Amino acid sequence: MIDVLIVEDEMPSARKLKAMLEAHAPDFNIVNILDSVSSSIEFLKNNQVELIFLDIHLADGNSFEIFETITISTPIIFTTAFDQYAIQAFDQNSIGYLLKPISTEKLNAAIAKFREQHEQKDKAAIDYQLLGKAIAQQHEQKEYRERFMVHYRDKIKTIPVDDVAYIYAENRGVFVCTKEGRIYDINQTLEHLNEELNPRQFFRANRKFIVSINAIVEAHLYSKSKLKLELNPPSSNEVIISSEKASKFKKWLSK
């Protein structure tokens, strides 16, 4: 059996990946599923695995922060929503990666690549900390989305990103709410949008909401260290930030 660790802060995605591995790699033993930088560091200080599936964006920060604290020689397959800058770096360094949503075909290819490298006696060491710095530098130069194109009645109009208060998923659709409270349907996923929007201005509060810092009126303490956001314009749905993401959110607010 090959001991495998999954690090993913979206539990539905983690469960889906676990099910796919159980179906397509029955010799993989999933020893744990973690959702944060801090829990990953603590686990890897005291445990060894043979393969890690690692999401780039975690509940309390960027996964490359793990390598700033501990040295890891374990093979890693990164999982990420669309991020062309990270993918360029992975390709240049022959790093395994999977784009979300993960397809069976791509998963099997990544597993096959791991098995091939795993059988080699002389494995090339990868400096993940250096890789993380390279990706961070690329992100600093990244151009973020500036506007949305939406259909309004029988017209097409554009909405500047600065006019967006929040974006949310509901009933299998994704909607933009502007500062004036107008709501438009857009044909995009939150995962994709989260990569296109400037992270200094927008925060992925949970699976259903991306919020602009300008729309946040207050953050209230909620049960078990969670936070509840009060937005302007108000949302008909509660916007709750999990206890795992709360520290990351507070850090984002203070930038």
C-alpha atoms as a PDB file:
ATOM      1  CA  MET A   1       0.000   0.000   0.000  1.00  0.00           C
ATOM      2  CA  ILE A   2       1.084   3.568  -0.720  1.00  0.00           C
ATOM      3  CA  ASP A   3       0.320   6.030   2.069  1.00  0.00           C
ATOM      4  CA  VAL A   4      -1.295   9.179   0.690  1.00  0.00           C
ATOM      5  CA  LEU A   5      -2.188  12.522   2.286  1.00  0.00           C
ATOM      6  CA  ILE A   6      -4.874  14.825   0.865  1.00  0.00           C
ATOM      7  CA  VAL A   7      -4.659  18.531   1.732  1.00  0.00           C
ATOM      8  CA  GLU A   8      -7.776  20.358   0.532  1.00  0.00           C
ATOM      9  CA  ASP A   9      -9.861  23.034   2.266  1.00  0.00           C
ATOM     10  CA  GLU A  10     -13.083  22.361   0.346  1.00  0.00           C
ATOM     11  CA  MET A  11     -14.479  19.172   1.901  1.00  0.00           C
ATOM     12  CA  PRO A  12     -16.711  18.226  -1.071  1.00  0.00           C
ATOM     13  CA  SER A  13     -13.634  18.374  -3.332  1.00  0.00           C
ATOM     14  CA  ALA A  14     -11.627  16.338  -0.818  1.00  0.00           C
ATOM     15  CA  ARG A  15     -14.317  13.656  -0.616  1.00  0.00           C
ATOM     16  CA  LYS A  16     -14.596  13.508  -4.404  1.00  0.00           C
ATOM     17  CA  LEU A  17     -10.826  13.108  -4.800  1.00  0.00           C
ATOM     18  CA  LYS A  18     -10.769  10.389  -2.131  1.00  0.00           C
ATOM     19  CA  ALA A  19     -13.546   8.482  -3.919  1.00  0.00           C
ATOM     20  CA  MET A  20     -11.736   8.779  -7.257  1.00  0.00           C
ATOM     21  CA  LEU A  21      -8.513   7.469  -5.746  1.00  0.00           C
ATOM     22  CA  GLU A  22     -10.306   4.555  -4.117  1.00  0.00           C
ATOM     23  CA  ALA A  23     -11.806   3.663  -7.495  1.00  0.00           C
ATOM     24  CA  HIS A  24      -8.718   4.142  -9.685  1.00  0.00           C
ATOM     25  CA  ALA A  25      -5.808   3.510  -7.314  1.00  0.00           C
ATOM     26  CA  PRO A  26      -6.923   0.832  -4.834  1.00  0.00           C
ATOM     27  CA  ASP A  27      -3.364   0.470  -3.530  1.00  0.00           C
ATOM     28  CA  PHE A  28      -3.452   4.071  -2.265  1.00  0.00           C
ATOM     29  CA  ASN A  29      -4.092   4.283   1.483  1.00  0.00           C
ATOM     30  CA  ILE A  30      -5.583   7.694   2.357  1.00  0.00           C
ATOM     31  CA  VAL A  31      -4.107   8.254   5.814  1.00  0.00           C
ATOM     32  CA  ASN A  32      -5.592  11.710   6.415  1.00  0.00           C
ATOM     33  CA  ILE A  33      -7.427  14.682   4.905  1.00  0.00           C
ATOM     34  CA  LEU A  34      -6.295  18.124   6.107  1.00  0.00           C
ATOM     35  CA  ASP A  35      -7.551  21.587   5.239  1.00  0.00           C
ATOM     36  CA  SER A  36      -4.933  24.106   6.359  1.00  0.00           C
ATOM     37  CA  VAL A  37      -1.277  25.089   6.328  1.00  0.00           C
ATOM     38  CA  SER A  38      -0.977  24.767  10.120  1.00  0.00           C
ATOM     39  CA  SER A  39      -2.517  21.294  10.359  1.00  0.00           C
ATOM     40  CA  SER A  40      -0.372  20.088   7.441  1.00  0.00           C
ATOM     41  CA  ILE A  41       2.818  21.304   9.096  1.00  0.00           C
ATOM     42  CA  GLU A  42       1.889  19.634  12.384  1.00  0.00           C
ATOM     43  CA  PHE A  43       1.012  16.353  10.685  1.00  0.00           C
ATOM     44  CA  LEU A  44       4.105  16.205   8.455  1.00  0.00           C
ATOM     45  CA  LYS A  45       6.417  16.956  11.377  1.00  0.00           C
ATOM     46  CA  ASN A  46       5.366  13.671  12.962  1.00  0.00           C
ATOM     47  CA  ASN A  47       4.268  11.485  10.058  1.00  0.00           C
ATOM     48  CA  GLN A  48       5.578  10.290   6.716  1.00  0.00           C
ATOM     49  CA  VAL A  49       3.618   9.554   3.569  1.00  0.00           C
ATOM     50  CA  GLU A  50       4.651   8.548   0.065  1.00  0.00           C
ATOM     51  CA  LEU A  51       2.475  10.979  -1.900  1.00  0.00           C
ATOM     52  CA  ILE A  52       0.660  14.245  -1.165  1.00  0.00           C
ATOM     53  CA  PHE A  53      -2.244  15.742  -3.092  1.00  0.00           C
ATOM     54  CA  LEU A  54      -1.902  19.422  -2.194  1.00  0.00           C
ATOM     55  CA  ASP A  55      -4.330  22.236  -2.934  1.00  0.00           C
ATOM     56  CA  ILE A  56      -2.570  25.572  -3.492  1.00  0.00           C
ATOM     57  CA  HIS A  57      -5.122  27.793  -1.737  1.00  0.00           C
ATOM     58  CA  LEU A  58      -5.892  26.564   1.788  1.00  0.00           C
ATOM     59  CA  ALA A  59      -8.093  27.779   4.610  1.00  0.00           C
ATOM     60  CA  ASP A  60      -5.334  29.732   6.341  1.00  0.00           C
ATOM     61  CA  GLY A  61      -2.987  30.633   3.516  1.00  0.00           C
ATOM     62  CA  ASN A  62      -0.989  29.514   0.509  1.00  0.00           C
ATOM     63  CA  SER A  63       0.207  25.903   0.647  1.00  0.00           C
ATOM     64  CA  PHE A  64       3.742  26.969  -0.270  1.00  0.00           C
ATOM     65  CA  GLU A  65       3.982  28.421   3.243  1.00  0.00           C
ATOM     66  CA  ILE A  66       4.333  24.808   4.419  1.00  0.00           C
ATOM     67  CA  PHE A  67       7.751  24.563   2.758  1.00  0.00           C
ATOM     68  CA  GLU A  68       8.946  27.677   4.540  1.00  0.00           C
ATOM     69  CA  THR A  69       8.583  25.839   7.852  1.00  0.00           C
ATOM     70  CA  ILE A  70       9.526  22.234   7.114  1.00  0.00           C
ATOM     71  CA  THR A  71      11.542  20.415   4.458  1.00  0.00           C
ATOM     72  CA  ILE A  72       9.521  17.977   2.371  1.00  0.00           C
ATOM     73  CA  SER A  73      10.989  15.473  -0.072  1.00  0.00           C
ATOM     74  CA  THR A  74       7.709  13.607  -0.587  1.00  0.00           C
ATOM     75  CA  PRO A  75       6.346  13.660  -4.168  1.00  0.00           C
ATOM     76  CA  ILE A  76       3.485  16.131  -4.519  1.00  0.00           C
ATOM     77  CA  ILE A  77       0.630  16.417  -6.991  1.00  0.00           C
ATOM     78  CA  PHE A  78      -0.771  19.931  -6.768  1.00  0.00           C
ATOM     79  CA  THR A  79      -4.468  20.584  -7.256  1.00  0.00           C
ATOM     80  CA  THR A  80      -5.683  24.000  -8.321  1.00  0.00           C
ATOM     81  CA  ALA A  81      -8.426  25.921 -10.026  1.00  0.00           C
ATOM     82  CA  PHE A  82      -7.314  27.573 -13.260  1.00  0.00           C
ATOM     83  CA  ASP A  83      -4.059  29.396 -12.630  1.00  0.00           C
ATOM     84  CA  GLN A  84      -1.946  29.842 -15.741  1.00  0.00           C
ATOM     85  CA  TYR A  85       1.050  31.197 -13.818  1.00  0.00           C
ATOM     86  CA  ALA A  86       1.261  28.221 -11.472  1.00  0.00           C
ATOM     87  CA  ILE A  87       0.818  25.819 -14.398  1.00  0.00           C
ATOM     88  CA  GLN A  88       3.676  27.426 -16.304  1.00  0.00           C
ATOM     89  CA  ALA A  89       5.942  26.935 -13.283  1.00  0.00           C
ATOM     90  CA  PHE A  90       4.810  23.326 -12.835  1.00  0.00           C
ATOM     91  CA  ASP A  91       5.446  22.505 -16.486  1.00  0.00           C
ATOM     92  CA  GLN A  92       8.899  24.058 -16.372  1.00  0.00           C
ATOM     93  CA  ASN A  93       9.814  21.982 -13.306  1.00  0.00           C
ATOM     94  CA  SER A  94       8.020  18.759 -14.328  1.00  0.00           C
ATOM     95  CA  ILE A  95       5.728  19.051 -11.314  1.00  0.00           C
ATOM     96  CA  GLY A  96       2.538  17.007 -11.237  1.00  0.00           C
ATOM     97  CA  TYR A  97      -0.673  19.034 -11.078  1.00  0.00           C
ATOM     98  CA  LEU A  98      -4.417  18.601 -11.528  1.00  0.00           C
ATOM     99  CA  LEU A  99      -6.867  21.282 -12.618  1.00  0.00           C
ATOM    100  CA  LYS A 100     -10.218  21.465 -10.874  1.00  0.00           C
ATOM    101  CA  PRO A 101     -12.682  20.006 -11.532  1.00  0.00           C
ATOM    102  CA  ILE A 102     -10.468  16.930 -11.643  1.00  0.00           C
ATOM    103  CA  SER A 103     -11.182  14.535 -14.501  1.00  0.00           C
ATOM    104  CA  THR A 104     -10.590  10.786 -14.334  1.00  0.00           C
ATOM    105  CA  GLU A 105      -8.313  10.975 -17.370  1.00  0.00           C
ATOM    106  CA  LYS A 106      -6.038  13.636 -15.844  1.00  0.00           C
ATOM    107  CA  LEU A 107      -6.013  11.889 -12.469  1.00  0.00           C
ATOM    108  CA  ASN A 108      -4.937   8.596 -14.030  1.00  0.00           C
ATOM    109  CA  ALA A 109      -2.199  10.379 -15.980  1.00  0.00           C
ATOM    110  CA  ALA A 110      -0.891  12.055 -12.803  1.00  0.00           C
ATOM    111  CA  ILE A 111      -0.946   8.733 -10.941  1.00  0.00           C
ATOM    112  CA  ALA A 112       0.902   7.010 -13.794  1.00  0.00           C
ATOM    113  CA  LYS A 113       3.556   9.740 -13.737  1.00  0.00           C
ATOM    114  CA  PHE A 114       3.938   9.315  -9.982  1.00  0.00           C
ATOM    115  CA  ARG A 115       4.278   5.527 -10.278  1.00  0.00           C
ATOM    116  CA  GLU A 116       6.962   5.905 -12.940  1.00  0.00           C
ATOM    117  CA  GLN A 117       8.965   8.327 -10.813  1.00  0.00           C
ATOM    118  CA  HIS A 118       8.302   6.314  -7.637  1.00  0.00           C
ATOM    119  CA  GLU A 119       9.954   3.248  -9.158  1.00  0.00           C
ATOM    120  CA  GLN A 120      13.095   5.157 -10.076  1.00  0.00           C
ATOM    121  CA  LYS A 121      15.899   4.820  -7.582  1.00  0.00           C
ATOM    122  CA  ASP A 122      17.417   8.227  -8.275  1.00  0.00           C
ATOM    123  CA  LYS A 123      14.683  10.797  -7.896  1.00  0.00           C
ATOM    124  CA  ALA A 124      15.454  14.431  -8.704  1.00  0.00           C
ATOM    125  CA  ALA A 125      14.926  16.614  -5.653  1.00  0.00           C
ATOM    126  CA  ILE A 126      12.528  19.525  -6.101  1.00  0.00           C
ATOM    127  CA  ASP A 127      12.916  22.752  -4.160  1.00  0.00           C
ATOM    128  CA  TYR A 128       9.256  23.480  -3.408  1.00  0.00           C
ATOM    129  CA  GLN A 129      10.076  26.613  -1.442  1.00  0.00           C
ATOM    130  CA  LEU A 130      11.873  28.065  -4.461  1.00  0.00           C
ATOM    131  CA  LEU A 131       8.969  27.026  -6.672  1.00  0.00           C
ATOM    132  CA  GLY A 132       6.540  28.845  -4.383  1.00  0.00           C
ATOM    133  CA  LYS A 133       8.602  32.033  -4.553  1.00  0.00           C
ATOM    134  CA  ALA A 134       8.675  31.825  -8.354  1.00  0.00           C
ATOM    135  CA  ILE A 135       4.890  31.497  -8.505  1.00  0.00           C
ATOM    136  CA  ALA A 136       4.452  34.379  -6.041  1.00  0.00           C
ATOM    137  CA  GLN A 137       6.618  36.612  -8.244  1.00  0.00           C
ATOM    138  CA  GLN A 138       4.537  35.691 -11.273  1.00  0.00           C
ATOM    139  CA  HIS A 139       1.347  36.512  -9.392  1.00  0.00           C
ATOM    140  CA  GLU A 140       2.656  39.984  -8.577  1.00  0.00           C
ATOM    141  CA  GLN A 141       2.806  40.642 -12.327  1.00  0.00           C
ATOM    142  CA  LYS A 142      -0.544  39.006 -13.038  1.00  0.00           C
ATOM    143  CA  GLU A 143      -3.270  41.018 -14.734  1.00  0.00           C
ATOM    144  CA  TYR A 144      -6.612  40.538 -13.013  1.00  0.00           C
ATOM    145  CA  ARG A 145     -10.112  40.749 -14.440  1.00  0.00           C
ATOM    146  CA  GLU A 146     -11.312  44.339 -14.871  1.00  0.00           C
ATOM    147  CA  ARG A 147     -14.925  43.898 -15.989  1.00  0.00           C
ATOM    148  CA  PHE A 148     -17.794  41.477 -16.490  1.00  0.00           C
ATOM    149  CA  MET A 149     -19.918  41.127 -19.594  1.00  0.00           C
ATOM    150  CA  VAL A 150     -23.547  40.406 -18.740  1.00  0.00           C
ATOM    151  CA  HIS A 151     -26.835  40.024 -20.589  1.00  0.00           C
ATOM    152  CA  TYR A 152     -29.552  42.423 -19.474  1.00  0.00           C
ATOM    153  CA  ARG A 153     -32.915  41.909 -21.149  1.00  0.00           C
ATOM    154  CA  ASP A 154     -32.070  42.049 -24.868  1.00  0.00           C
ATOM    155  CA  LYS A 155     -28.804  43.942 -24.379  1.00  0.00           C
ATOM    156  CA  ILE A 156     -25.209  43.206 -23.501  1.00  0.00           C
ATOM    157  CA  LYS A 157     -23.497  45.480 -20.989  1.00  0.00           C
ATOM    158  CA  THR A 158     -20.256  45.568 -19.047  1.00  0.00           C
ATOM    159  CA  ILE A 159     -19.836  45.938 -15.301  1.00  0.00           C
ATOM    160  CA  PRO A 160     -16.499  47.202 -13.921  1.00  0.00           C
ATOM    161  CA  VAL A 161     -15.076  44.957 -11.219  1.00  0.00           C
ATOM    162  CA  ASP A 162     -14.983  47.955  -8.869  1.00  0.00           C
ATOM    163  CA  ASP A 163     -18.800  48.075  -9.049  1.00  0.00           C
ATOM    164  CA  VAL A 164     -19.152  44.467  -7.820  1.00  0.00           C
ATOM    165  CA  ALA A 165     -20.135  43.970  -4.179  1.00  0.00           C
ATOM    166  CA  TYR A 166     -20.153  40.176  -4.158  1.00  0.00           C
ATOM    167  CA  ILE A 167     -20.579  37.095  -6.326  1.00  0.00           C
ATOM    168  CA  TYR A 168     -22.582  34.084  -5.209  1.00  0.00           C
ATOM    169  CA  ALA A 169     -23.745  30.657  -6.352  1.00  0.00           C
ATOM    170  CA  GLU A 170     -27.381  29.684  -6.034  1.00  0.00           C
ATOM    171  CA  ASN A 171     -29.593  27.046  -7.674  1.00  0.00           C
ATOM    172  CA  ARG A 172     -26.800  25.917 -10.026  1.00  0.00           C
ATOM    173  CA  GLY A 173     -26.241  29.489 -11.226  1.00  0.00           C
ATOM    174  CA  VAL A 174     -23.632  32.143 -10.434  1.00  0.00           C
ATOM    175  CA  PHE A 175     -24.673  35.761  -9.935  1.00  0.00           C
ATOM    176  CA  VAL A 176     -22.995  39.159  -9.568  1.00  0.00           C
ATOM    177  CA  CYS A 177     -24.477  41.688  -7.149  1.00  0.00           C
ATOM    178  CA  THR A 178     -23.407  45.283  -7.774  1.00  0.00           C
ATOM    179  CA  LYS A 179     -23.018  48.076  -5.233  1.00  0.00           C
ATOM    180  CA  GLU A 180     -26.450  49.347  -6.311  1.00  0.00           C
ATOM    181  CA  GLY A 181     -28.019  45.970  -5.536  1.00  0.00           C
ATOM    182  CA  ARG A 182     -28.553  44.926  -9.152  1.00  0.00           C
ATOM    183  CA  ILE A 183     -28.109  41.219  -9.792  1.00  0.00           C
ATOM    184  CA  TYR A 184     -26.872  39.654 -13.026  1.00  0.00           C
ATOM    185  CA  ASP A 185     -26.443  36.039 -14.068  1.00  0.00           C
ATOM    186  CA  ILE A 186     -22.943  35.168 -15.330  1.00  0.00           C
ATOM    187  CA  ASN A 187     -21.711  32.019 -17.018  1.00  0.00           C
ATOM    188  CA  GLN A 188     -18.649  31.426 -14.822  1.00  0.00           C
ATOM    189  CA  THR A 189     -17.734  29.211 -11.882  1.00  0.00           C
ATOM    190  CA  LEU A 190     -16.659  30.631  -8.526  1.00  0.00           C
ATOM    191  CA  GLU A 191     -13.466  28.557  -8.748  1.00  0.00           C
ATOM    192  CA  HIS A 192     -12.509  30.191 -12.031  1.00  0.00           C
ATOM    193  CA  LEU A 193     -13.471  33.673 -10.864  1.00  0.00           C
ATOM    194  CA  ASN A 194     -11.488  33.270  -7.659  1.00  0.00           C
ATOM    195  CA  GLU A 195      -8.347  32.946  -9.795  1.00  0.00           C
ATOM    196  CA  GLU A 196      -9.232  35.906 -12.037  1.00  0.00           C
ATOM    197  CA  LEU A 197     -10.085  38.470  -9.352  1.00  0.00           C
ATOM    198  CA  ASN A 198      -7.517  40.505  -7.450  1.00  0.00           C
ATOM    199  CA  PRO A 199      -7.070  38.784  -4.053  1.00  0.00           C
ATOM    200  CA  ARG A 200      -6.445  42.131  -2.391  1.00  0.00           C
ATOM    201  CA  GLN A 201      -9.955  43.210  -3.295  1.00  0.00           C
ATOM    202  CA  PHE A 202     -11.920  39.939  -3.219  1.00  0.00           C
ATOM    203  CA  PHE A 203     -12.087  37.076  -0.703  1.00  0.00           C
ATOM    204  CA  ARG A 204     -13.552  33.588  -1.155  1.00  0.00           C
ATOM    205  CA  ALA A 205     -15.690  33.509   1.983  1.00  0.00           C
ATOM    206  CA  ASN A 206     -17.037  29.998   1.436  1.00  0.00           C
ATOM    207  CA  ARG A 207     -18.186  27.632  -1.290  1.00  0.00           C
ATOM    208  CA  LYS A 208     -20.998  29.979  -2.317  1.00  0.00           C
ATOM    209  CA  PHE A 209     -19.630  33.514  -1.877  1.00  0.00           C
ATOM    210  CA  ILE A 210     -16.810  35.733  -3.101  1.00  0.00           C
ATOM    211  CA  VAL A 211     -17.005  39.145  -1.406  1.00  0.00           C
ATOM    212  CA  SER A 212     -15.453  42.515  -2.156  1.00  0.00           C
ATOM    213  CA  ILE A 213     -13.724  44.234   0.732  1.00  0.00           C
ATOM    214  CA  ASN A 214     -15.789  47.348  -0.059  1.00  0.00           C
ATOM    215  CA  ALA A 215     -19.046  45.440   0.549  1.00  0.00           C
ATOM    216  CA  ILE A 216     -18.171  44.299   4.075  1.00  0.00           C
ATOM    217  CA  VAL A 217     -19.921  46.364   6.744  1.00  0.00           C
ATOM    218  CA  GLU A 218     -19.092  44.196   9.763  1.00  0.00           C
ATOM    219  CA  ALA A 219     -17.969  40.712  10.717  1.00  0.00           C
ATOM    220  CA  HIS A 220     -19.771  39.224  13.714  1.00  0.00           C
ATOM    221  CA  LEU A 221     -18.521  36.407  15.916  1.00  0.00           C
ATOM    222  CA  TYR A 222     -20.541  33.279  15.242  1.00  0.00           C
ATOM    223  CA  SER A 223     -20.692  29.828  16.832  1.00  0.00           C
ATOM    224  CA  LYS A 224     -17.450  27.856  17.249  1.00  0.00           C
ATOM    225  CA  SER A 225     -15.146  30.712  16.165  1.00  0.00           C
ATOM    226  CA  LYS A 226     -16.958  31.233  12.871  1.00  0.00           C
ATOM    227  CA  LEU A 227     -17.653  34.679  11.459  1.00  0.00           C
ATOM    228  CA  LYS A 228     -20.869  36.017   9.960  1.00  0.00           C
ATOM    229  CA  LEU A 229     -20.553  38.861   7.457  1.00  0.00           C
ATOM    230  CA  GLU A 230     -22.887  41.805   7.160  1.00  0.00           C
ATOM    231  CA  LEU A 231     -22.790  43.046   3.575  1.00  0.00           C
ATOM    232  CA  ASN A 232     -23.957  46.141   1.739  1.00  0.00           C
ATOM    233  CA  PRO A 233     -26.112  45.600  -0.246  1.00  0.00           C
ATOM    234  CA  PRO A 234     -27.563  42.971   2.134  1.00  0.00           C
ATOM    235  CA  SER A 235     -27.620  39.366   0.970  1.00  0.00           C
ATOM    236  CA  SER A 236     -30.715  37.188   1.314  1.00  0.00           C
ATOM    237  CA  ASN A 237     -28.372  34.321   2.257  1.00  0.00           C
ATOM    238  CA  GLU A 238     -26.173  34.204   5.344  1.00  0.00           C
ATOM    239  CA  VAL A 239     -22.472  34.572   4.581  1.00  0.00           C
ATOM    240  CA  ILE A 240     -20.576  32.457   7.096  1.00  0.00           C
ATOM    241  CA  ILE A 241     -16.798  32.098   7.262  1.00  0.00           C
ATOM    242  CA  SER A 242     -15.620  28.848   8.819  1.00  0.00           C
ATOM    243  CA  SER A 243     -13.352  28.784  11.869  1.00  0.00           C
ATOM    244  CA  GLU A 244     -10.588  27.396   9.624  1.00  0.00           C
ATOM    245  CA  LYS A 245     -10.814  30.388   7.275  1.00  0.00           C
ATOM    246  CA  ALA A 246     -11.419  33.014   9.965  1.00  0.00           C
ATOM    247  CA  SER A 247      -7.732  33.729  10.614  1.00  0.00           C
ATOM    248  CA  LYS A 248      -7.020  34.036   6.896  1.00  0.00           C
ATOM    249  CA  PHE A 249      -9.966  36.421   6.549  1.00  0.00           C
ATOM    250  CA  LYS A 250      -8.758  38.626   9.425  1.00  0.00           C
ATOM    251  CA  LYS A 251      -5.288  38.689   7.895  1.00  0.00           C
ATOM    252  CA  TRP A 252      -6.795  39.713   4.542  1.00  0.00           C
ATOM    253  CA  LEU A 253      -8.826  42.507   6.161  1.00  0.00           C
ATOM    254  CA  SER A 254      -5.731  44.001   7.774  1.00  0.00           C
ATOM    255  CA  LYS A 255      -3.669  44.233   4.574  1.00  0.00           C
END
